[in-house]
Amino acid sequence: MFIPESRFSLWADFIERSFLDGEFKELIAKGIINGATSNPAIFKNAILTSPAYKEQLSTLTGLTPKEKYEALAVFDI
């Protein structure tokens, strides 16, 4: 949502794969939010608490933690 007279817009301050799969796109399409912000701490929380990342993590054997993070982040962001 952007309110021109106030120069105000809403952004989601988290990211999680299950949110990106449906609800996020719907909120953008309806003009309720403009996008999402993310940072390593927010993304780490999503990776550690959401089951949506387990399958992809299981395919990333042999990679360093940084490489795993980058693979997951590139996929979502």
N, C-alpha and C. Protein backbone atom coordinates (compact mmCIF):
# COMPACT_ATOMS: atom_id res chain seq x y z
N MET A 1 0.85 -1.16 0.00
CA MET A 1 0.00 0.00 0.00
C MET A 1 0.90 1.23 0.00
N PHE A 2 0.61 2.15 -0.86
CA PHE A 2 1.34 3.42 -0.90
C PHE A 2 0.33 4.54 -0.80
N ILE A 3 0.53 5.40 0.14
CA ILE A 3 -0.35 6.55 0.32
C ILE A 3 0.45 7.78 -0.10
N PRO A 4 0.24 8.26 -1.34
CA PRO A 4 1.07 9.34 -1.88
C PRO A 4 1.15 10.58 -1.00
N GLU A 5 0.02 11.00 -0.45
CA GLU A 5 0.03 12.23 0.34
C GLU A 5 0.86 12.10 1.61
N SER A 6 1.04 10.88 2.10
CA SER A 6 1.85 10.68 3.31
C SER A 6 3.24 10.13 3.00
N ARG A 7 3.45 9.72 1.75
CA ARG A 7 4.70 9.09 1.32
C ARG A 7 5.01 7.87 2.20
N PHE A 8 3.99 7.06 2.43
CA PHE A 8 4.06 5.91 3.31
C PHE A 8 3.74 4.65 2.52
N SER A 9 4.52 3.61 2.70
CA SER A 9 4.21 2.33 2.08
C SER A 9 4.51 1.21 3.05
N LEU A 10 3.79 0.11 2.93
CA LEU A 10 3.97 -1.04 3.82
C LEU A 10 4.84 -2.10 3.16
N TRP A 11 5.75 -2.65 3.93
CA TRP A 11 6.62 -3.73 3.49
C TRP A 11 6.60 -4.81 4.56
N ALA A 12 6.58 -6.06 4.16
CA ALA A 12 6.69 -7.18 5.09
C ALA A 12 8.14 -7.24 5.56
N ASP A 13 8.35 -7.40 6.85
CA ASP A 13 9.70 -7.43 7.41
C ASP A 13 10.10 -8.85 7.79
N PHE A 14 9.80 -9.77 6.93
CA PHE A 14 10.20 -11.16 7.12
C PHE A 14 10.11 -11.86 5.79
N ILE A 15 10.67 -13.04 5.76
CA ILE A 15 10.57 -13.84 4.54
C ILE A 15 10.53 -15.31 4.95
N GLU A 16 9.66 -16.04 4.34
CA GLU A 16 9.56 -17.48 4.56
C GLU A 16 8.96 -18.08 3.30
N ARG A 17 9.48 -19.20 2.90
CA ARG A 17 9.07 -19.81 1.63
C ARG A 17 7.57 -20.03 1.54
N SER A 18 6.93 -20.50 2.60
CA SER A 18 5.49 -20.75 2.52
C SER A 18 4.71 -19.45 2.31
N PHE A 19 5.19 -18.35 2.83
CA PHE A 19 4.57 -17.04 2.61
C PHE A 19 4.76 -16.60 1.17
N LEU A 20 5.95 -16.84 0.62
CA LEU A 20 6.25 -16.43 -0.75
C LEU A 20 5.42 -17.18 -1.77
N ASP A 21 5.03 -18.41 -1.45
CA ASP A 21 4.32 -19.25 -2.40
C ASP A 21 2.91 -18.78 -2.73
N GLY A 22 2.29 -17.96 -1.90
CA GLY A 22 0.92 -17.58 -2.22
C GLY A 22 0.49 -16.25 -1.65
N GLU A 23 0.48 -16.17 -0.33
CA GLU A 23 -0.06 -14.99 0.34
C GLU A 23 0.71 -13.72 -0.04
N PHE A 24 2.02 -13.82 -0.16
CA PHE A 24 2.84 -12.66 -0.51
C PHE A 24 2.42 -12.07 -1.86
N LYS A 25 2.30 -12.93 -2.86
CA LYS A 25 1.91 -12.47 -4.20
C LYS A 25 0.52 -11.82 -4.17
N GLU A 26 -0.37 -12.40 -3.40
CA GLU A 26 -1.73 -11.86 -3.29
C GLU A 26 -1.72 -10.47 -2.64
N LEU A 27 -0.94 -10.30 -1.58
CA LEU A 27 -0.87 -9.00 -0.91
C LEU A 27 -0.27 -7.93 -1.82
N ILE A 28 0.72 -8.32 -2.62
CA ILE A 28 1.32 -7.39 -3.59
C ILE A 28 0.27 -7.02 -4.65
N ALA A 29 -0.40 -8.03 -5.20
CA ALA A 29 -1.38 -7.80 -6.27
C ALA A 29 -2.52 -6.89 -5.81
N LYS A 30 -2.92 -7.03 -4.55
CA LYS A 30 -4.01 -6.21 -4.02
C LYS A 30 -3.53 -4.83 -3.57
N GLY A 31 -2.22 -4.59 -3.63
CA GLY A 31 -1.69 -3.29 -3.22
C GLY A 31 -1.64 -3.09 -1.72
N ILE A 32 -1.72 -4.19 -0.97
CA ILE A 32 -1.69 -4.09 0.49
C ILE A 32 -0.27 -3.85 0.98
N ILE A 33 0.69 -4.52 0.37
CA ILE A 33 2.10 -4.28 0.68
C ILE A 33 2.85 -4.03 -0.63
N ASN A 34 4.02 -3.44 -0.52
CA ASN A 34 4.83 -3.15 -1.71
C ASN A 34 5.91 -4.19 -1.95
N GLY A 35 6.32 -4.90 -0.92
CA GLY A 35 7.39 -5.88 -1.07
C GLY A 35 7.79 -6.40 0.29
N ALA A 36 8.98 -6.97 0.36
CA ALA A 36 9.49 -7.52 1.61
C ALA A 36 10.94 -7.13 1.78
N THR A 37 11.32 -6.95 3.02
CA THR A 37 12.72 -6.74 3.33
C THR A 37 13.25 -8.02 3.95
N SER A 38 14.53 -8.19 3.88
CA SER A 38 15.14 -9.35 4.52
C SER A 38 16.57 -9.01 4.88
N ASN A 39 17.07 -9.73 5.83
CA ASN A 39 18.47 -9.63 6.21
C ASN A 39 18.88 -11.01 6.71
N PRO A 40 20.15 -11.26 6.92
CA PRO A 40 20.58 -12.60 7.33
C PRO A 40 19.89 -13.11 8.60
N ALA A 41 19.65 -12.26 9.57
CA ALA A 41 19.01 -12.71 10.81
C ALA A 41 17.57 -13.16 10.57
N ILE A 42 16.83 -12.39 9.78
CA ILE A 42 15.45 -12.75 9.46
C ILE A 42 15.42 -14.06 8.68
N PHE A 43 16.30 -14.16 7.71
CA PHE A 43 16.33 -15.35 6.86
C PHE A 43 16.77 -16.58 7.67
N LYS A 44 17.73 -16.41 8.57
CA LYS A 44 18.18 -17.51 9.43
C LYS A 44 17.01 -18.05 10.24
N ASN A 45 16.22 -17.16 10.81
CA ASN A 45 15.06 -17.59 11.59
C ASN A 45 14.10 -18.40 10.74
N ALA A 46 13.85 -17.96 9.52
CA ALA A 46 12.95 -18.70 8.63
C ALA A 46 13.51 -20.09 8.32
N ILE A 47 14.80 -20.16 8.03
CA ILE A 47 15.43 -21.45 7.70
C ILE A 47 15.35 -22.41 8.88
N LEU A 48 15.59 -21.91 10.09
CA LEU A 48 15.62 -22.77 11.27
C LEU A 48 14.25 -23.17 11.78
N THR A 49 13.22 -22.39 11.50
CA THR A 49 11.90 -22.67 12.08
C THR A 49 10.87 -23.18 11.09
N SER A 50 11.12 -23.06 9.81
CA SER A 50 10.13 -23.47 8.81
C SER A 50 10.50 -24.81 8.18
N PRO A 51 9.55 -25.74 8.12
CA PRO A 51 9.84 -27.01 7.46
C PRO A 51 10.02 -26.88 5.94
N ALA A 52 9.68 -25.74 5.39
CA ALA A 52 9.75 -25.54 3.94
C ALA A 52 11.18 -25.62 3.40
N TYR A 53 12.18 -25.48 4.25
CA TYR A 53 13.57 -25.47 3.79
C TYR A 53 14.27 -26.82 3.93
N LYS A 54 13.68 -27.74 4.66
CA LYS A 54 14.34 -29.02 4.95
C LYS A 54 14.69 -29.80 3.69
N GLU A 55 13.78 -29.88 2.74
CA GLU A 55 14.03 -30.66 1.53
C GLU A 55 15.22 -30.10 0.74
N GLN A 56 15.22 -28.80 0.52
CA GLN A 56 16.34 -28.22 -0.24
C GLN A 56 17.65 -28.35 0.54
N LEU A 57 17.61 -28.16 1.85
CA LEU A 57 18.84 -28.31 2.64
C LEU A 57 19.41 -29.72 2.52
N SER A 58 18.55 -30.71 2.44
CA SER A 58 19.03 -32.10 2.34
C SER A 58 19.75 -32.36 1.03
N THR A 59 19.53 -31.53 0.02
CA THR A 59 20.21 -31.70 -1.26
C THR A 59 21.53 -30.93 -1.34
N LEU A 60 21.83 -30.16 -0.32
CA LEU A 60 23.01 -29.30 -0.35
C LEU A 60 24.18 -29.87 0.45
N THR A 61 24.27 -31.18 0.52
CA THR A 61 25.37 -31.80 1.25
C THR A 61 26.70 -31.47 0.58
N GLY A 62 27.72 -31.35 1.40
CA GLY A 62 29.05 -31.06 0.89
C GLY A 62 29.34 -29.58 0.72
N LEU A 63 28.35 -28.74 0.94
CA LEU A 63 28.56 -27.30 0.83
C LEU A 63 28.88 -26.71 2.21
N THR A 64 29.57 -25.60 2.21
CA THR A 64 29.82 -24.89 3.46
C THR A 64 28.53 -24.23 3.92
N PRO A 65 28.44 -23.87 5.20
CA PRO A 65 27.24 -23.16 5.66
C PRO A 65 26.95 -21.90 4.83
N LYS A 66 27.98 -21.16 4.47
CA LYS A 66 27.78 -19.95 3.66
C LYS A 66 27.20 -20.31 2.30
N GLU A 67 27.70 -21.36 1.68
CA GLU A 67 27.19 -21.79 0.37
C GLU A 67 25.73 -22.25 0.46
N LYS A 68 25.40 -22.93 1.55
CA LYS A 68 24.01 -23.36 1.76
C LYS A 68 23.10 -22.15 1.91
N TYR A 69 23.53 -21.20 2.73
CA TYR A 69 22.75 -19.98 2.93
C TYR A 69 22.52 -19.28 1.59
N GLU A 70 23.57 -19.13 0.81
CA GLU A 70 23.45 -18.44 -0.47
C GLU A 70 22.51 -19.17 -1.43
N ALA A 71 22.57 -20.50 -1.43
CA ALA A 71 21.68 -21.27 -2.30
C ALA A 71 20.22 -21.06 -1.91
N LEU A 72 19.94 -21.07 -0.62
CA LEU A 72 18.57 -20.86 -0.15
C LEU A 72 18.11 -19.42 -0.40
N ALA A 73 18.99 -18.47 -0.13
CA ALA A 73 18.63 -17.06 -0.31
C ALA A 73 18.36 -16.74 -1.77
N VAL A 74 19.19 -17.23 -2.66
CA VAL A 74 19.00 -16.96 -4.09
C VAL A 74 17.68 -17.55 -4.56
N PHE A 75 17.35 -18.72 -4.07
CA PHE A 75 16.10 -19.37 -4.46
C PHE A 75 14.89 -18.51 -4.06
N ASP A 76 14.91 -17.97 -2.86
CA ASP A 76 13.75 -17.21 -2.35
C ASP A 76 13.76 -15.74 -2.75
N ILE A 77 14.90 -15.16 -2.79
CA ILE A 77 14.97 -13.72 -3.02
C ILE A 77 15.28 -13.45 -4.47
